Amino acid sequence: MNSAQSSPAPATSAVVFIVDDDVSVRESLEALITFEGWRTETFASAEAFLRRAPMHEPCCLILDVSLPDLNGLDLQKLIAADRVEVPIIFITGHGDIPMTVQAMKAGAIEFLTKPIDDELLLSAVRNAIERSETGLANELELYNLRSRWASLTPREREVMELVVSGLLNKQVGLKLGISEITVKAHRGKVTEKMKADSVADLVKMAVKLGIAPANNPWHVARESDHV
């Protein structure tokens, strides 16, 4: 790899996985990544990496395309479903355009050709770690939203679905055959349990939960119909 002058990054909980059957490449990458402040785990094969239990911390994978038995592109396909929080940086000694296109279309962060430029690699790792952090944060947010949604009673769910569709309290009441006062009481509980500040807030949550369309025009609560 080309040498690079850079100062160590602050220590972080992020892990950089390195999968390459060439021990000299693994050791070189490990030294570079460790110097930058990230933790590393190295593997000589795709099979060895697959035996490693999935983690829920910021991470990325530096993956050689040409591996014995199971190659890098095949590994990418295998982990696409259950390890989406692991962005991949491909490295290869003989990459071609079709191979690069295939990897990038499948979600790879970068495709680098050996000898690897240190700065390009480190930049790719930083981007990958940031993407992993964002993905994990979104995953946690969705988990919390689903937990709040699960805490609602069946009636409260009905009320929330109608409210985020744009109906006013009176309209929700007519739809469900209950009084406007009862609707307001349910909305209060929905707001409390979902930890929402406004109808617009509820709409955003509903979109993330998949119970409201992303193009829902109801983004701002009406002055006459506050939550």
C-alpha atoms as a PDB file:
ATOM      1  CA  MET A   1       0.000   0.000   0.000  1.00  0.00           C
ATOM      2  CA  ASN A   2       1.094   3.562  -0.582  1.00  0.00           C
ATOM      3  CA  SER A   3       2.281   5.361   2.519  1.00  0.00           C
ATOM      4  CA  ALA A   4       0.184   8.156   3.961  1.00  0.00           C
ATOM      5  CA  GLN A   5       0.892  10.842   6.526  1.00  0.00           C
ATOM      6  CA  SER A   6      -2.006  11.242   8.935  1.00  0.00           C
ATOM      7  CA  SER A   7      -2.558  11.621  12.638  1.00  0.00           C
ATOM      8  CA  PRO A   8      -4.348   8.935  14.650  1.00  0.00           C
ATOM      9  CA  ALA A   9      -8.109   9.370  14.977  1.00  0.00           C
ATOM     10  CA  PRO A  10      -9.696   9.291  18.433  1.00  0.00           C
ATOM     11  CA  ALA A  11     -10.412   5.807  19.761  1.00  0.00           C
ATOM     12  CA  THR A  12     -13.842   4.566  18.773  1.00  0.00           C
ATOM     13  CA  SER A  13     -16.056   1.555  19.404  1.00  0.00           C
ATOM     14  CA  ALA A  14     -16.338   1.015  15.654  1.00  0.00           C
ATOM     15  CA  VAL A  15     -14.910  -2.215  14.281  1.00  0.00           C
ATOM     16  CA  VAL A  16     -13.338  -2.688  10.856  1.00  0.00           C
ATOM     17  CA  PHE A  17     -13.507  -6.277   9.633  1.00  0.00           C
ATOM     18  CA  ILE A  18     -10.799  -7.318   7.179  1.00  0.00           C
ATOM     19  CA  VAL A  19     -11.280 -10.399   5.002  1.00  0.00           C
ATOM     20  CA  ASP A  20      -8.334 -11.307   2.761  1.00  0.00           C
ATOM     21  CA  ASP A  21      -6.563 -14.631   2.222  1.00  0.00           C
ATOM     22  CA  ASP A  22      -3.173 -12.873   1.894  1.00  0.00           C
ATOM     23  CA  VAL A  23      -1.686 -12.634   5.394  1.00  0.00           C
ATOM     24  CA  SER A  24       0.619  -9.748   4.433  1.00  0.00           C
ATOM     25  CA  VAL A  25      -2.366  -7.694   3.213  1.00  0.00           C
ATOM     26  CA  ARG A  26      -4.337  -8.477   6.367  1.00  0.00           C
ATOM     27  CA  GLU A  27      -1.476  -7.440   8.621  1.00  0.00           C
ATOM     28  CA  SER A  28      -0.773  -4.268   6.642  1.00  0.00           C
ATOM     29  CA  LEU A  29      -4.421  -3.215   6.686  1.00  0.00           C
ATOM     30  CA  GLU A  30      -4.749  -4.115  10.349  1.00  0.00           C
ATOM     31  CA  ALA A  31      -1.776  -1.911  11.253  1.00  0.00           C
ATOM     32  CA  LEU A  32      -3.128   1.034   9.239  1.00  0.00           C
ATOM     33  CA  ILE A  33      -6.664   0.776  10.610  1.00  0.00           C
ATOM     34  CA  THR A  34      -5.506   0.284  14.200  1.00  0.00           C
ATOM     35  CA  PHE A  35      -3.228   3.327  13.953  1.00  0.00           C
ATOM     36  CA  GLU A  36      -6.260   5.401  12.966  1.00  0.00           C
ATOM     37  CA  GLY A  37      -8.026   4.442  16.206  1.00  0.00           C
ATOM     38  CA  TRP A  38     -10.474   1.803  15.019  1.00  0.00           C
ATOM     39  CA  ARG A  39     -10.654  -1.738  16.307  1.00  0.00           C
ATOM     40  CA  THR A  40     -10.007  -4.507  13.812  1.00  0.00           C
ATOM     41  CA  GLU A  41     -10.873  -8.150  13.332  1.00  0.00           C
ATOM     42  CA  THR A  42      -9.194 -10.108  10.541  1.00  0.00           C
ATOM     43  CA  PHE A  43     -10.297 -13.230   8.687  1.00  0.00           C
ATOM     44  CA  ALA A  44      -8.541 -15.378   6.080  1.00  0.00           C
ATOM     45  CA  SER A  45     -11.749 -16.487   4.368  1.00  0.00           C
ATOM     46  CA  ALA A  46     -15.394 -15.584   3.849  1.00  0.00           C
ATOM     47  CA  GLU A  47     -16.404 -18.718   5.748  1.00  0.00           C
ATOM     48  CA  ALA A  48     -14.437 -17.584   8.799  1.00  0.00           C
ATOM     49  CA  PHE A  49     -16.166 -14.198   8.715  1.00  0.00           C
ATOM     50  CA  LEU A  50     -19.606 -15.823   8.447  1.00  0.00           C
ATOM     51  CA  ARG A  51     -18.887 -17.779  11.631  1.00  0.00           C
ATOM     52  CA  ARG A  52     -18.476 -14.480  13.468  1.00  0.00           C
ATOM     53  CA  ALA A  53     -21.755 -13.527  15.177  1.00  0.00           C
ATOM     54  CA  PRO A  54     -23.398 -10.336  13.823  1.00  0.00           C
ATOM     55  CA  MET A  55     -22.771  -7.263  15.934  1.00  0.00           C
ATOM     56  CA  HIS A  56     -24.821  -4.175  16.649  1.00  0.00           C
ATOM     57  CA  GLU A  57     -22.048  -1.601  16.816  1.00  0.00           C
ATOM     58  CA  PRO A  58     -20.751   0.731  14.090  1.00  0.00           C
ATOM     59  CA  CYS A  59     -18.600  -1.306  11.721  1.00  0.00           C
ATOM     60  CA  CYS A  60     -17.566  -1.911   8.131  1.00  0.00           C
ATOM     61  CA  LEU A  61     -16.007  -4.675   6.092  1.00  0.00           C
ATOM     62  CA  ILE A  62     -12.886  -4.454   3.940  1.00  0.00           C
ATOM     63  CA  LEU A  63     -13.377  -7.403   1.618  1.00  0.00           C
ATOM     64  CA  ASP A  64     -11.104  -8.954  -0.996  1.00  0.00           C
ATOM     65  CA  VAL A  65     -12.992  -9.981  -4.123  1.00  0.00           C
ATOM     66  CA  SER A  66     -10.860 -13.041  -4.907  1.00  0.00           C
ATOM     67  CA  LEU A  67     -11.140 -15.459  -1.991  1.00  0.00           C
ATOM     68  CA  PRO A  68     -10.834 -19.254  -1.954  1.00  0.00           C
ATOM     69  CA  ASP A  69     -14.099 -21.223  -2.061  1.00  0.00           C
ATOM     70  CA  LEU A  70     -16.532 -18.340  -1.418  1.00  0.00           C
ATOM     71  CA  ASN A  71     -15.550 -15.078  -3.147  1.00  0.00           C
ATOM     72  CA  GLY A  72     -16.219 -11.529  -1.994  1.00  0.00           C
ATOM     73  CA  LEU A  73     -19.202 -10.903  -4.270  1.00  0.00           C
ATOM     74  CA  ASP A  74     -20.880 -14.102  -3.071  1.00  0.00           C
ATOM     75  CA  LEU A  75     -20.268 -13.089   0.541  1.00  0.00           C
ATOM     76  CA  GLN A  76     -21.837  -9.705  -0.180  1.00  0.00           C
ATOM     77  CA  LYS A  77     -25.009 -11.462  -1.353  1.00  0.00           C
ATOM     78  CA  LEU A  78     -25.103 -13.727   1.695  1.00  0.00           C
ATOM     79  CA  ILE A  79     -24.882 -10.933   4.261  1.00  0.00           C
ATOM     80  CA  ALA A  80     -27.145  -8.490   2.397  1.00  0.00           C
ATOM     81  CA  ALA A  81     -30.236  -9.556   4.327  1.00  0.00           C
ATOM     82  CA  ASP A  82     -29.077 -10.095   7.903  1.00  0.00           C
ATOM     83  CA  ARG A  83     -26.053  -7.779   8.128  1.00  0.00           C
ATOM     84  CA  VAL A  84     -27.250  -4.630   6.407  1.00  0.00           C
ATOM     85  CA  GLU A  85     -25.459  -2.614   9.095  1.00  0.00           C
ATOM     86  CA  VAL A  86     -22.086  -3.728   7.634  1.00  0.00           C
ATOM     87  CA  PRO A  87     -21.070  -1.441   4.735  1.00  0.00           C
ATOM     88  CA  ILE A  88     -18.550  -3.093   2.394  1.00  0.00           C
ATOM     89  CA  ILE A  89     -15.345  -1.732   0.883  1.00  0.00           C
ATOM     90  CA  PHE A  90     -14.067  -4.070  -1.825  1.00  0.00           C
ATOM     91  CA  ILE A  91     -10.376  -4.473  -2.616  1.00  0.00           C
ATOM     92  CA  THR A  92      -8.937  -6.432  -5.528  1.00  0.00           C
ATOM     93  CA  GLY A  93      -5.730  -7.025  -7.417  1.00  0.00           C
ATOM     94  CA  HIS A  94      -7.467  -7.346 -10.781  1.00  0.00           C
ATOM     95  CA  GLY A  95     -10.788  -5.592 -10.819  1.00  0.00           C
ATOM     96  CA  ASP A  96     -12.780  -4.995 -13.978  1.00  0.00           C
ATOM     97  CA  ILE A  97     -15.666  -2.678 -14.771  1.00  0.00           C
ATOM     98  CA  PRO A  98     -18.473  -5.311 -14.734  1.00  0.00           C
ATOM     99  CA  MET A  99     -17.258  -6.571 -11.355  1.00  0.00           C
ATOM    100  CA  THR A 100     -17.136  -3.037  -9.976  1.00  0.00           C
ATOM    101  CA  VAL A 101     -20.615  -2.228 -11.266  1.00  0.00           C
ATOM    102  CA  GLN A 102     -22.008  -5.419  -9.736  1.00  0.00           C
ATOM    103  CA  ALA A 103     -20.482  -4.651  -6.337  1.00  0.00           C
ATOM    104  CA  MET A 104     -21.602  -1.012  -6.290  1.00  0.00           C
ATOM    105  CA  LYS A 105     -25.145  -1.846  -7.407  1.00  0.00           C
ATOM    106  CA  ALA A 106     -25.339  -4.290  -4.518  1.00  0.00           C
ATOM    107  CA  GLY A 107     -24.497  -1.490  -2.099  1.00  0.00           C
ATOM    108  CA  ALA A 108     -20.717  -1.455  -1.759  1.00  0.00           C
ATOM    109  CA  ILE A 109     -19.220   1.795  -0.452  1.00  0.00           C
ATOM    110  CA  GLU A 110     -16.063   1.674  -2.578  1.00  0.00           C
ATOM    111  CA  PHE A 111     -14.129  -0.588  -4.914  1.00  0.00           C
ATOM    112  CA  LEU A 112     -10.356  -0.128  -4.614  1.00  0.00           C
ATOM    113  CA  THR A 113      -7.610  -1.735  -6.679  1.00  0.00           C
ATOM    114  CA  LYS A 114      -4.343  -2.965  -5.149  1.00  0.00           C
ATOM    115  CA  PRO A 115      -1.864  -1.489  -4.368  1.00  0.00           C
ATOM    116  CA  ILE A 116      -4.297   0.442  -2.214  1.00  0.00           C
ATOM    117  CA  ASP A 117      -3.847   4.135  -1.550  1.00  0.00           C
ATOM    118  CA  ASP A 118      -4.026   4.596   2.228  1.00  0.00           C
ATOM    119  CA  GLU A 119      -5.882   7.909   2.130  1.00  0.00           C
ATOM    120  CA  LEU A 120      -8.510   6.597  -0.269  1.00  0.00           C
ATOM    121  CA  LEU A 121      -9.029   3.564   1.937  1.00  0.00           C
ATOM    122  CA  LEU A 122      -9.232   5.566   5.160  1.00  0.00           C
ATOM    123  CA  SER A 123     -11.685   7.990   3.577  1.00  0.00           C
ATOM    124  CA  ALA A 124     -13.827   5.053   2.481  1.00  0.00           C
ATOM    125  CA  VAL A 125     -13.688   3.567   5.987  1.00  0.00           C
ATOM    126  CA  ARG A 126     -14.778   6.863   7.544  1.00  0.00           C
ATOM    127  CA  ASN A 127     -17.729   7.070   5.144  1.00  0.00           C
ATOM    128  CA  ALA A 128     -18.632   3.451   5.817  1.00  0.00           C
ATOM    129  CA  ILE A 129     -18.516   3.893   9.599  1.00  0.00           C
ATOM    130  CA  GLU A 130     -20.705   7.000   9.334  1.00  0.00           C
ATOM    131  CA  ARG A 131     -23.194   5.067   7.221  1.00  0.00           C
ATOM    132  CA  SER A 132     -23.166   2.236   9.739  1.00  0.00           C
ATOM    133  CA  GLU A 133     -23.767   4.662  12.622  1.00  0.00           C
ATOM    134  CA  THR A 134     -26.688   6.233  10.759  1.00  0.00           C
ATOM    135  CA  GLY A 135     -28.134   2.833   9.909  1.00  0.00           C
ATOM    136  CA  LEU A 136     -27.931   1.637  13.500  1.00  0.00           C
ATOM    137  CA  ALA A 137     -29.516   4.865  14.768  1.00  0.00           C
ATOM    138  CA  ASN A 138     -32.390   4.454  12.299  1.00  0.00           C
ATOM    139  CA  GLU A 139     -32.753   0.814  13.302  1.00  0.00           C
ATOM    140  CA  LEU A 140     -32.972   1.768  16.995  1.00  0.00           C
ATOM    141  CA  GLU A 141     -35.474   4.522  16.236  1.00  0.00           C
ATOM    142  CA  LEU A 142     -37.680   2.110  14.305  1.00  0.00           C
ATOM    143  CA  TYR A 143     -37.448  -0.456  17.099  1.00  0.00           C
ATOM    144  CA  ASN A 144     -38.588   2.149  19.628  1.00  0.00           C
ATOM    145  CA  LEU A 145     -41.420   3.292  17.351  1.00  0.00           C
ATOM    146  CA  ARG A 146     -42.641  -0.276  16.924  1.00  0.00           C
ATOM    147  CA  SER A 147     -42.556  -0.755  20.691  1.00  0.00           C
ATOM    148  CA  ARG A 148     -44.657   2.382  21.198  1.00  0.00           C
ATOM    149  CA  TRP A 149     -47.074   1.314  18.469  1.00  0.00           C
ATOM    150  CA  ALA A 150     -47.414  -2.092  20.130  1.00  0.00           C
ATOM    151  CA  SER A 151     -48.332  -0.360  23.400  1.00  0.00           C
ATOM    152  CA  LEU A 152     -51.429   1.249  21.821  1.00  0.00           C
ATOM    153  CA  THR A 153     -54.824  -0.369  22.252  1.00  0.00           C
ATOM    154  CA  PRO A 154     -56.662  -1.485  19.093  1.00  0.00           C
ATOM    155  CA  ARG A 155     -58.936   1.568  19.339  1.00  0.00           C
ATOM    156  CA  GLU A 156     -55.968   3.919  19.790  1.00  0.00           C
ATOM    157  CA  ARG A 157     -54.375   2.468  16.675  1.00  0.00           C
ATOM    158  CA  GLU A 158     -57.571   3.063  14.714  1.00  0.00           C
ATOM    159  CA  VAL A 159     -57.678   6.657  15.916  1.00  0.00           C
ATOM    160  CA  MET A 160     -54.019   7.259  15.068  1.00  0.00           C
ATOM    161  CA  GLU A 161     -54.425   5.826  11.567  1.00  0.00           C
ATOM    162  CA  LEU A 162     -57.401   8.068  10.865  1.00  0.00           C
ATOM    163  CA  VAL A 163     -55.760  11.145  12.382  1.00  0.00           C
ATOM    164  CA  VAL A 164     -52.612  10.790  10.285  1.00  0.00           C
ATOM    165  CA  SER A 165     -54.784  10.332   7.192  1.00  0.00           C
ATOM    166  CA  GLY A 166     -55.977  13.915   7.723  1.00  0.00           C
ATOM    167  CA  LEU A 167     -59.336  13.510   9.453  1.00  0.00           C
ATOM    168  CA  LEU A 168     -60.468  15.909  12.175  1.00  0.00           C
ATOM    169  CA  ASN A 169     -61.737  14.718  15.556  1.00  0.00           C
ATOM    170  CA  LYS A 170     -65.390  14.974  14.493  1.00  0.00           C
ATOM    171  CA  GLN A 171     -64.702  13.016  11.296  1.00  0.00           C
ATOM    172  CA  VAL A 172     -62.803  10.325  13.201  1.00  0.00           C
ATOM    173  CA  GLY A 173     -65.718  10.041  15.622  1.00  0.00           C
ATOM    174  CA  LEU A 174     -68.231   9.603  12.814  1.00  0.00           C
ATOM    175  CA  LYS A 175     -66.008   7.019  11.166  1.00  0.00           C
ATOM    176  CA  LEU A 176     -65.657   4.968  14.350  1.00  0.00           C
ATOM    177  CA  GLY A 177     -69.094   5.647  15.830  1.00  0.00           C
ATOM    178  CA  ILE A 178     -67.762   7.358  18.958  1.00  0.00           C
ATOM    179  CA  SER A 179     -68.087  10.876  20.347  1.00  0.00           C
ATOM    180  CA  GLU A 180     -65.674  13.693  19.565  1.00  0.00           C
ATOM    181  CA  ILE A 181     -64.782  13.885  23.270  1.00  0.00           C
ATOM    182  CA  THR A 182     -63.856  10.196  23.229  1.00  0.00           C
ATOM    183  CA  VAL A 183     -61.721  10.755  20.121  1.00  0.00           C
ATOM    184  CA  LYS A 184     -59.865  13.562  21.895  1.00  0.00           C
ATOM    185  CA  ALA A 185     -59.240  11.270  24.868  1.00  0.00           C
ATOM    186  CA  HIS A 186     -57.827   8.562  22.587  1.00  0.00           C
ATOM    187  CA  ARG A 187     -55.677  11.123  20.745  1.00  0.00           C
ATOM    188  CA  GLY A 188     -54.273  12.275  24.053  1.00  0.00           C
ATOM    189  CA  LYS A 189     -53.275   8.719  24.920  1.00  0.00           C
ATOM    190  CA  VAL A 190     -51.817   8.162  21.437  1.00  0.00           C
ATOM    191  CA  THR A 191     -49.781  11.353  21.716  1.00  0.00           C
ATOM    192  CA  GLU A 192     -48.503  10.359  25.152  1.00  0.00           C
ATOM    193  CA  LYS A 193     -47.616   6.770  24.270  1.00  0.00           C
ATOM    194  CA  MET A 194     -46.036   7.648  20.912  1.00  0.00           C
ATOM    195  CA  LYS A 195     -44.188  10.615  22.466  1.00  0.00           C
ATOM    196  CA  ALA A 196     -45.389  12.914  19.688  1.00  0.00           C
ATOM    197  CA  ASP A 197     -45.489  16.720  19.799  1.00  0.00           C
ATOM    198  CA  SER A 198     -47.940  17.280  16.937  1.00  0.00           C
ATOM    199  CA  VAL A 199     -49.977  15.635  14.204  1.00  0.00           C
ATOM    200  CA  ALA A 200     -47.041  16.222  11.878  1.00  0.00           C
ATOM    201  CA  ASP A 201     -44.899  14.263  14.306  1.00  0.00           C
ATOM    202  CA  LEU A 202     -47.425  11.407  14.302  1.00  0.00           C
ATOM    203  CA  VAL A 203     -47.479  11.422  10.497  1.00  0.00           C
ATOM    204  CA  LYS A 204     -43.693  11.044  10.327  1.00  0.00           C
ATOM    205  CA  MET A 205     -43.890   8.144  12.775  1.00  0.00           C
ATOM    206  CA  ALA A 206     -46.704   6.520  10.816  1.00  0.00           C
ATOM    207  CA  VAL A 207     -44.712   6.750   7.584  1.00  0.00           C
ATOM    208  CA  LYS A 208     -41.707   5.076   9.228  1.00  0.00           C
ATOM    209  CA  LEU A 209     -43.981   2.373  10.621  1.00  0.00           C
ATOM    210  CA  GLY A 210     -45.496   1.811   7.187  1.00  0.00           C
ATOM    211  CA  ILE A 211     -49.062   2.655   8.263  1.00  0.00           C
ATOM    212  CA  ALA A 212     -49.215   5.888   6.241  1.00  0.00           C
ATOM    213  CA  PRO A 213     -47.989   6.685   2.707  1.00  0.00           C
ATOM    214  CA  ALA A 214     -44.749   8.645   2.406  1.00  0.00           C
ATOM    215  CA  ASN A 215     -46.519  11.257   0.267  1.00  0.00           C
ATOM    216  CA  ASN A 216     -49.172  11.934   2.931  1.00  0.00           C
ATOM    217  CA  PRO A 217     -50.003  15.653   2.531  1.00  0.00           C
ATOM    218  CA  TRP A 218     -51.053  16.009   6.160  1.00  0.00           C
ATOM    219  CA  HIS A 219     -47.841  17.479   7.614  1.00  0.00           C
ATOM    220  CA  VAL A 220     -49.095  20.272   9.833  1.00  0.00           C
ATOM    221  CA  ALA A 221     -51.796  20.092  12.503  1.00  0.00           C
ATOM    222  CA  ARG A 222     -54.699  22.451  11.939  1.00  0.00           C
ATOM    223  CA  GLU A 223     -55.163  25.271  14.425  1.00  0.00           C
ATOM    224  CA  SER A 224     -58.695  24.069  15.173  1.00  0.00           C
ATOM    225  CA  ASP A 225     -57.705  20.440  15.723  1.00  0.00           C
ATOM    226  CA  HIS A 226     -54.571  20.248  17.876  1.00  0.00           C
ATOM    227  CA  VAL A 227     -53.370  16.924  19.208  1.00  0.00           C
END
